[in-house]
Each structure stands twice: as C-alpha cells, then as structure tokens.
N, C-alpha and C. Protein backbone atom coordinates (compact mmCIF):
# COMPACT_ATOMS: atom_id res chain seq x y z
N GLN A 1 -144.76 -17.93 -161.68
CA GLN A 1 -143.90 -19.05 -161.33
C GLN A 1 -143.27 -18.81 -159.96
N VAL A 2 -143.47 -19.76 -159.07
CA VAL A 2 -142.92 -19.64 -157.73
C VAL A 2 -141.41 -19.89 -157.76
N GLN A 3 -140.68 -19.02 -157.10
CA GLN A 3 -139.23 -19.17 -157.08
C GLN A 3 -138.69 -18.80 -155.70
N LEU A 4 -137.77 -19.62 -155.21
CA LEU A 4 -137.05 -19.35 -153.96
C LEU A 4 -135.57 -19.29 -154.30
N VAL A 5 -134.91 -18.24 -153.85
CA VAL A 5 -133.50 -18.07 -154.15
C VAL A 5 -132.74 -17.83 -152.85
N GLU A 6 -131.82 -18.77 -152.55
CA GLU A 6 -131.01 -18.65 -151.34
C GLU A 6 -129.72 -17.89 -151.64
N SER A 7 -129.17 -17.29 -150.61
CA SER A 7 -127.87 -16.63 -150.72
C SER A 7 -127.21 -16.61 -149.35
N GLY A 8 -125.91 -16.32 -149.33
CA GLY A 8 -125.22 -16.13 -148.07
C GLY A 8 -124.31 -17.27 -147.65
N GLY A 9 -124.29 -18.34 -148.40
CA GLY A 9 -123.41 -19.45 -148.05
C GLY A 9 -121.95 -19.09 -148.27
N GLY A 10 -121.06 -19.97 -147.80
CA GLY A 10 -119.65 -19.73 -147.99
C GLY A 10 -118.78 -20.67 -147.18
N LEU A 11 -117.50 -20.37 -147.17
CA LEU A 11 -116.51 -21.15 -146.42
C LEU A 11 -116.15 -20.38 -145.16
N VAL A 12 -116.35 -21.01 -144.02
CA VAL A 12 -116.05 -20.37 -142.74
C VAL A 12 -115.29 -21.35 -141.85
N ARG A 13 -114.75 -20.82 -140.76
CA ARG A 13 -114.00 -21.64 -139.82
C ARG A 13 -114.90 -22.07 -138.66
N PRO A 14 -114.55 -23.15 -138.00
CA PRO A 14 -115.32 -23.56 -136.82
C PRO A 14 -115.46 -22.43 -135.81
N GLY A 15 -116.66 -22.27 -135.30
CA GLY A 15 -116.93 -21.21 -134.35
C GLY A 15 -117.45 -19.92 -134.98
N ASP A 16 -117.34 -19.82 -136.29
CA ASP A 16 -117.79 -18.62 -136.99
C ASP A 16 -119.31 -18.58 -137.11
N SER A 17 -119.78 -17.44 -137.60
CA SER A 17 -121.21 -17.26 -137.84
C SER A 17 -121.44 -16.95 -139.32
N LEU A 18 -122.68 -17.17 -139.75
CA LEU A 18 -123.05 -16.94 -141.14
C LEU A 18 -124.55 -16.66 -141.18
N ARG A 19 -124.96 -15.86 -142.12
CA ARG A 19 -126.39 -15.56 -142.26
C ARG A 19 -126.85 -15.94 -143.66
N LEU A 20 -127.81 -16.82 -143.74
CA LEU A 20 -128.39 -17.22 -145.00
C LEU A 20 -129.71 -16.48 -145.21
N SER A 21 -129.98 -16.14 -146.46
CA SER A 21 -131.22 -15.48 -146.81
C SER A 21 -131.92 -16.23 -147.93
N CYS A 22 -133.22 -16.09 -147.96
CA CYS A 22 -134.01 -16.72 -149.01
C CYS A 22 -135.09 -15.74 -149.43
N ALA A 23 -135.09 -15.40 -150.71
CA ALA A 23 -136.09 -14.49 -151.25
C ALA A 23 -137.10 -15.27 -152.07
N ALA A 24 -138.37 -15.06 -151.79
CA ALA A 24 -139.43 -15.76 -152.50
C ALA A 24 -140.11 -14.82 -153.48
N SER A 25 -140.50 -15.35 -154.62
CA SER A 25 -141.22 -14.57 -155.62
C SER A 25 -142.25 -15.45 -156.30
N GLY A 26 -143.22 -14.82 -156.92
CA GLY A 26 -144.23 -15.56 -157.64
C GLY A 26 -145.45 -15.90 -156.81
N TRP A 27 -145.37 -15.67 -155.54
CA TRP A 27 -146.48 -15.97 -154.64
C TRP A 27 -146.23 -15.31 -153.31
N ASN A 28 -147.28 -14.89 -152.64
CA ASN A 28 -147.15 -14.28 -151.33
C ASN A 28 -147.23 -15.36 -150.26
N PHE A 29 -146.12 -15.58 -149.55
CA PHE A 29 -146.05 -16.66 -148.58
C PHE A 29 -146.36 -16.23 -147.16
N GLU A 30 -146.89 -15.05 -146.99
CA GLU A 30 -147.02 -14.54 -145.63
C GLU A 30 -147.94 -15.39 -144.77
N ASN A 31 -148.83 -16.17 -145.38
CA ASN A 31 -149.74 -17.00 -144.61
C ASN A 31 -149.27 -18.45 -144.49
N ASN A 32 -148.04 -18.72 -144.88
CA ASN A 32 -147.56 -20.08 -144.93
C ASN A 32 -146.23 -20.24 -144.19
N PRO A 33 -146.01 -21.39 -143.61
CA PRO A 33 -144.72 -21.63 -142.94
C PRO A 33 -143.58 -21.64 -143.94
N MET A 34 -142.41 -21.30 -143.47
CA MET A 34 -141.21 -21.40 -144.27
C MET A 34 -140.16 -22.15 -143.46
N ALA A 35 -139.22 -22.78 -144.15
CA ALA A 35 -138.28 -23.65 -143.45
C ALA A 35 -136.93 -23.69 -144.14
N TRP A 36 -135.96 -24.21 -143.40
CA TRP A 36 -134.65 -24.51 -143.94
C TRP A 36 -134.36 -25.99 -143.70
N PHE A 37 -133.82 -26.62 -144.73
CA PHE A 37 -133.32 -27.98 -144.65
C PHE A 37 -131.87 -27.96 -145.09
N ARG A 38 -131.17 -29.05 -144.86
CA ARG A 38 -129.79 -29.15 -145.35
C ARG A 38 -129.49 -30.59 -145.75
N GLN A 39 -128.52 -30.71 -146.63
CA GLN A 39 -128.11 -32.03 -147.08
C GLN A 39 -126.59 -32.07 -147.19
N ALA A 40 -126.00 -32.93 -146.39
CA ALA A 40 -124.56 -33.14 -146.42
C ALA A 40 -124.23 -34.23 -147.43
N PRO A 41 -123.01 -34.26 -147.92
CA PRO A 41 -122.63 -35.29 -148.91
C PRO A 41 -122.87 -36.70 -148.38
N GLY A 42 -123.57 -37.50 -149.18
CA GLY A 42 -123.82 -38.87 -148.80
C GLY A 42 -124.90 -39.08 -147.77
N LYS A 43 -125.56 -38.01 -147.40
CA LYS A 43 -126.62 -38.10 -146.39
C LYS A 43 -127.95 -37.61 -146.94
N ALA A 44 -129.01 -38.01 -146.26
CA ALA A 44 -130.34 -37.57 -146.66
C ALA A 44 -130.57 -36.11 -146.25
N ARG A 45 -131.49 -35.47 -146.94
CA ARG A 45 -131.85 -34.11 -146.57
C ARG A 45 -132.50 -34.13 -145.20
N GLU A 46 -132.13 -33.17 -144.35
CA GLU A 46 -132.66 -33.14 -143.01
C GLU A 46 -133.21 -31.76 -142.65
N PHE A 47 -134.20 -31.78 -141.78
CA PHE A 47 -134.82 -30.56 -141.31
C PHE A 47 -133.84 -29.78 -140.43
N VAL A 48 -133.85 -28.45 -140.58
CA VAL A 48 -133.01 -27.59 -139.75
C VAL A 48 -133.88 -26.67 -138.89
N ALA A 49 -134.75 -25.90 -139.54
CA ALA A 49 -135.57 -24.94 -138.79
C ALA A 49 -136.79 -24.57 -139.62
N ALA A 50 -137.86 -24.18 -138.92
CA ALA A 50 -139.06 -23.72 -139.59
C ALA A 50 -139.69 -22.60 -138.78
N ILE A 51 -140.49 -21.79 -139.45
CA ILE A 51 -141.13 -20.67 -138.77
C ILE A 51 -142.56 -20.54 -139.29
N THR A 52 -143.49 -20.24 -138.38
CA THR A 52 -144.89 -20.12 -138.77
C THR A 52 -145.14 -18.83 -139.54
N LYS A 53 -146.37 -18.68 -140.02
CA LYS A 53 -146.67 -17.62 -140.99
C LYS A 53 -146.38 -16.22 -140.48
N ARG A 54 -146.62 -15.96 -139.24
CA ARG A 54 -146.34 -14.61 -138.73
C ARG A 54 -145.13 -14.61 -137.81
N GLY A 55 -144.36 -15.68 -137.86
CA GLY A 55 -143.15 -15.74 -137.05
C GLY A 55 -143.41 -15.96 -135.58
N GLY A 56 -144.63 -16.38 -135.25
CA GLY A 56 -144.95 -16.54 -133.84
C GLY A 56 -144.34 -17.76 -133.20
N ARG A 57 -143.96 -18.72 -134.02
CA ARG A 57 -143.38 -19.93 -133.46
C ARG A 57 -142.29 -20.44 -134.38
N ALA A 58 -141.21 -20.88 -133.78
CA ALA A 58 -140.09 -21.43 -134.54
C ALA A 58 -139.81 -22.85 -134.07
N TYR A 59 -139.41 -23.68 -135.00
CA TYR A 59 -139.06 -25.07 -134.72
C TYR A 59 -137.60 -25.27 -135.12
N TYR A 60 -136.87 -26.05 -134.32
CA TYR A 60 -135.48 -26.32 -134.63
C TYR A 60 -135.15 -27.80 -134.44
N ALA A 61 -134.24 -28.27 -135.27
CA ALA A 61 -133.68 -29.60 -135.05
C ALA A 61 -132.81 -29.54 -133.79
N ASP A 62 -132.76 -30.62 -133.06
CA ASP A 62 -131.97 -30.64 -131.83
C ASP A 62 -130.52 -30.28 -132.08
N SER A 63 -130.01 -30.66 -133.24
CA SER A 63 -128.59 -30.45 -133.54
C SER A 63 -128.23 -28.98 -133.71
N VAL A 64 -129.22 -28.13 -133.94
CA VAL A 64 -128.93 -26.71 -134.17
C VAL A 64 -129.56 -25.80 -133.12
N LYS A 65 -130.35 -26.36 -132.24
CA LYS A 65 -131.05 -25.57 -131.23
C LYS A 65 -130.03 -24.82 -130.36
N GLY A 66 -130.27 -23.53 -130.19
CA GLY A 66 -129.36 -22.69 -129.42
C GLY A 66 -128.24 -22.08 -130.23
N ARG A 67 -128.07 -22.55 -131.47
CA ARG A 67 -127.00 -22.01 -132.33
C ARG A 67 -127.55 -21.32 -133.57
N PHE A 68 -128.67 -21.79 -134.07
CA PHE A 68 -129.27 -21.22 -135.27
C PHE A 68 -130.55 -20.49 -134.90
N THR A 69 -130.84 -19.42 -135.66
CA THR A 69 -132.07 -18.67 -135.44
C THR A 69 -132.74 -18.40 -136.78
N ILE A 70 -134.00 -18.77 -136.89
CA ILE A 70 -134.76 -18.51 -138.12
C ILE A 70 -135.63 -17.28 -137.91
N SER A 71 -135.77 -16.49 -138.95
CA SER A 71 -136.63 -15.31 -138.89
C SER A 71 -137.23 -15.07 -140.27
N ARG A 72 -138.28 -14.27 -140.32
CA ARG A 72 -138.88 -13.98 -141.61
C ARG A 72 -139.30 -12.51 -141.66
N ASP A 73 -139.34 -12.00 -142.87
CA ASP A 73 -139.79 -10.64 -143.13
C ASP A 73 -140.88 -10.73 -144.18
N ASN A 74 -142.14 -10.71 -143.74
CA ASN A 74 -143.24 -10.88 -144.69
C ASN A 74 -143.36 -9.71 -145.66
N SER A 75 -142.90 -8.54 -145.24
CA SER A 75 -142.96 -7.38 -146.14
C SER A 75 -142.04 -7.58 -147.34
N ARG A 76 -141.02 -8.41 -147.16
CA ARG A 76 -140.09 -8.69 -148.26
C ARG A 76 -140.22 -10.11 -148.78
N ASN A 77 -141.21 -10.84 -148.25
CA ASN A 77 -141.42 -12.23 -148.69
C ASN A 77 -140.12 -13.02 -148.58
N SER A 78 -139.48 -12.95 -147.44
CA SER A 78 -138.18 -13.58 -147.29
C SER A 78 -138.04 -14.25 -145.93
N VAL A 79 -137.10 -15.16 -145.86
CA VAL A 79 -136.78 -15.85 -144.61
C VAL A 79 -135.27 -15.90 -144.48
N ALA A 80 -134.78 -15.84 -143.26
CA ALA A 80 -133.34 -15.86 -143.02
C ALA A 80 -133.00 -16.93 -141.99
N LEU A 81 -131.76 -17.37 -142.01
CA LEU A 81 -131.26 -18.31 -141.02
C LEU A 81 -129.91 -17.81 -140.54
N GLN A 82 -129.84 -17.45 -139.29
CA GLN A 82 -128.59 -17.02 -138.67
C GLN A 82 -127.92 -18.24 -138.06
N LEU A 83 -126.71 -18.54 -138.52
CA LEU A 83 -125.97 -19.69 -138.05
C LEU A 83 -124.81 -19.20 -137.18
N SER A 84 -124.65 -19.76 -136.02
CA SER A 84 -123.54 -19.37 -135.16
C SER A 84 -122.91 -20.62 -134.55
N LYS A 85 -121.72 -20.45 -134.00
CA LYS A 85 -120.98 -21.55 -133.39
C LYS A 85 -120.90 -22.75 -134.35
N LEU A 86 -120.58 -22.45 -135.58
CA LEU A 86 -120.57 -23.48 -136.62
C LEU A 86 -119.50 -24.53 -136.36
N THR A 87 -119.81 -25.75 -136.72
CA THR A 87 -118.88 -26.87 -136.62
C THR A 87 -118.78 -27.54 -137.99
N PRO A 88 -117.77 -28.35 -138.20
CA PRO A 88 -117.67 -29.06 -139.49
C PRO A 88 -118.90 -29.91 -139.79
N GLU A 89 -119.59 -30.36 -138.76
CA GLU A 89 -120.80 -31.17 -138.97
C GLU A 89 -121.94 -30.36 -139.57
N ASP A 90 -121.81 -29.05 -139.59
CA ASP A 90 -122.83 -28.20 -140.21
C ASP A 90 -122.60 -28.02 -141.71
N THR A 91 -121.52 -28.56 -142.21
CA THR A 91 -121.23 -28.47 -143.64
C THR A 91 -122.30 -29.18 -144.44
N ALA A 92 -122.92 -28.46 -145.37
CA ALA A 92 -124.01 -29.02 -146.16
C ALA A 92 -124.48 -27.97 -147.16
N VAL A 93 -125.33 -28.42 -148.07
CA VAL A 93 -126.09 -27.49 -148.90
C VAL A 93 -127.38 -27.18 -148.14
N TYR A 94 -127.65 -25.90 -147.97
CA TYR A 94 -128.82 -25.46 -147.22
C TYR A 94 -129.91 -25.01 -148.20
N TYR A 95 -131.11 -25.53 -147.97
CA TYR A 95 -132.24 -25.26 -148.85
C TYR A 95 -133.35 -24.53 -148.10
N CYS A 96 -133.93 -23.57 -148.77
CA CYS A 96 -135.10 -22.87 -148.28
C CYS A 96 -136.34 -23.56 -148.87
N ALA A 97 -137.41 -23.61 -148.11
CA ALA A 97 -138.62 -24.26 -148.60
C ALA A 97 -139.86 -23.59 -148.03
N THR A 98 -140.96 -23.71 -148.76
CA THR A 98 -142.23 -23.24 -148.24
C THR A 98 -143.33 -24.20 -148.70
N THR A 99 -144.52 -23.98 -148.20
CA THR A 99 -145.59 -24.93 -148.42
C THR A 99 -146.93 -24.23 -148.55
N HIS A 100 -147.87 -24.92 -149.18
CA HIS A 100 -149.24 -24.42 -149.27
C HIS A 100 -149.98 -24.62 -147.95
N ARG A 101 -149.44 -25.49 -147.09
CA ARG A 101 -150.08 -25.69 -145.79
C ARG A 101 -150.14 -24.39 -145.01
N LEU A 102 -151.11 -24.30 -144.16
CA LEU A 102 -151.24 -23.11 -143.33
C LEU A 102 -150.58 -23.29 -141.98
N GLY A 103 -150.17 -24.53 -141.66
CA GLY A 103 -149.52 -24.79 -140.39
C GLY A 103 -148.70 -26.06 -140.47
N LEU A 104 -147.96 -26.35 -139.40
CA LEU A 104 -147.14 -27.54 -139.33
C LEU A 104 -147.52 -28.34 -138.09
N THR A 105 -147.47 -29.66 -138.22
CA THR A 105 -147.72 -30.53 -137.08
C THR A 105 -146.54 -31.47 -136.93
N GLY A 106 -146.08 -31.63 -135.71
CA GLY A 106 -144.96 -32.51 -135.46
C GLY A 106 -143.68 -31.95 -136.04
N THR A 107 -142.68 -32.80 -136.14
CA THR A 107 -141.41 -32.39 -136.71
C THR A 107 -141.57 -32.21 -138.22
N PRO A 108 -141.25 -31.04 -138.74
CA PRO A 108 -141.40 -30.81 -140.18
C PRO A 108 -140.55 -31.79 -140.99
N THR A 109 -141.11 -32.29 -142.06
CA THR A 109 -140.40 -33.16 -142.98
C THR A 109 -140.42 -32.55 -144.36
N SER A 110 -139.52 -32.99 -145.20
CA SER A 110 -139.43 -32.42 -146.55
C SER A 110 -140.72 -32.65 -147.33
N GLU A 111 -141.45 -33.72 -147.00
CA GLU A 111 -142.69 -34.03 -147.75
C GLU A 111 -143.77 -32.99 -147.49
N MET A 112 -143.64 -32.22 -146.41
CA MET A 112 -144.64 -31.19 -146.11
C MET A 112 -144.48 -29.95 -146.97
N PHE A 113 -143.37 -29.83 -147.68
CA PHE A 113 -143.05 -28.59 -148.38
C PHE A 113 -143.15 -28.77 -149.89
N ASP A 114 -143.71 -27.74 -150.54
CA ASP A 114 -144.03 -27.82 -151.96
C ASP A 114 -143.02 -27.12 -152.85
N TYR A 115 -142.35 -26.12 -152.32
CA TYR A 115 -141.44 -25.32 -153.16
C TYR A 115 -140.07 -25.26 -152.49
N TRP A 116 -139.04 -25.36 -153.34
CA TRP A 116 -137.67 -25.42 -152.85
C TRP A 116 -136.77 -24.48 -153.65
N GLY A 117 -135.77 -23.96 -152.97
CA GLY A 117 -134.74 -23.21 -153.67
C GLY A 117 -133.68 -24.14 -154.21
N GLN A 118 -132.68 -23.57 -154.86
CA GLN A 118 -131.63 -24.37 -155.47
C GLN A 118 -130.53 -24.74 -154.48
N GLY A 119 -130.53 -24.09 -153.32
CA GLY A 119 -129.56 -24.40 -152.28
C GLY A 119 -128.36 -23.49 -152.30
N THR A 120 -127.74 -23.35 -151.12
CA THR A 120 -126.51 -22.58 -150.99
C THR A 120 -125.54 -23.38 -150.11
N GLN A 121 -124.30 -23.46 -150.54
CA GLN A 121 -123.32 -24.30 -149.86
C GLN A 121 -122.74 -23.59 -148.65
N VAL A 122 -122.72 -24.31 -147.54
CA VAL A 122 -122.04 -23.86 -146.33
C VAL A 122 -120.96 -24.89 -146.01
N THR A 123 -119.73 -24.43 -145.94
CA THR A 123 -118.61 -25.30 -145.64
C THR A 123 -117.89 -24.76 -144.40
N VAL A 124 -117.75 -25.62 -143.40
CA VAL A 124 -117.08 -25.23 -142.17
C VAL A 124 -115.79 -26.05 -142.06
N SER A 125 -114.66 -25.37 -142.14
CA SER A 125 -113.39 -26.08 -142.17
C SER A 125 -112.28 -25.17 -141.68
N LEU A 126 -111.23 -25.80 -141.15
CA LEU A 126 -110.07 -25.01 -140.70
C LEU A 126 -109.29 -24.50 -141.89
C-alpha cells in the first residue's frame, strides 16, 4: 500500500522559516517526480513545487520562487520543502504528492499526481 506522510508543519511568525518533510512507503519513487501542493481555507488546491526523479530540475509556483526550496533524498524515499520568508498568505495545508509519470510537462497540476499525503498545517501569524 502506497503511503505518503508529511510532517514539520506548525505555527510561525511572518518572516520565519519552516521545513516540511514527506516520507514515502509502499513503493520506490526514485524514478518519479514528487511535488508539494497547498490548500488555503476556501481556496482550491494549488501547486507549490515539484522535483524530477533525480532532483535535476525543480519547478516552483511564482508565489514561492526564491523563498521555498524543494529537495529529495532517494535513499530515504523522501522529499522536503524548505520554506523561508513566510507570510500570512502562505498559511495552508501542505500536501506531498507523487505520480506514476516519469516526467512532468508544463506547470504541474494536481491531476498529474496519483498519490497524496494527508497534509500538514502551516499557519503564519503574528
């Protein structure tokens, strides 16, 4: 059974940093892209960042470019998201996802991904 488990969320202040982690089990994802999405209250789920199978290329939403960094450790079947310079607009539930696809074309969308974690809450507030 494929399972993705996120961790690392929490309550932080504007300008702070946070590191999210996602551990995958039940399947070896080293040949597949992995990604992070987020969903704020009352809003649709949106793409945040994605990384190719060997970490050779990373994709970011414009809203997080320069502030967030995605990385992966294939030896541990895991992906991480380093969040910095956080603002209240970054408040959301963050989801880890992966796919059977071997690559990504264009801006990643949630429909491209087959497996999802349960999410971890990130709240940015004074």
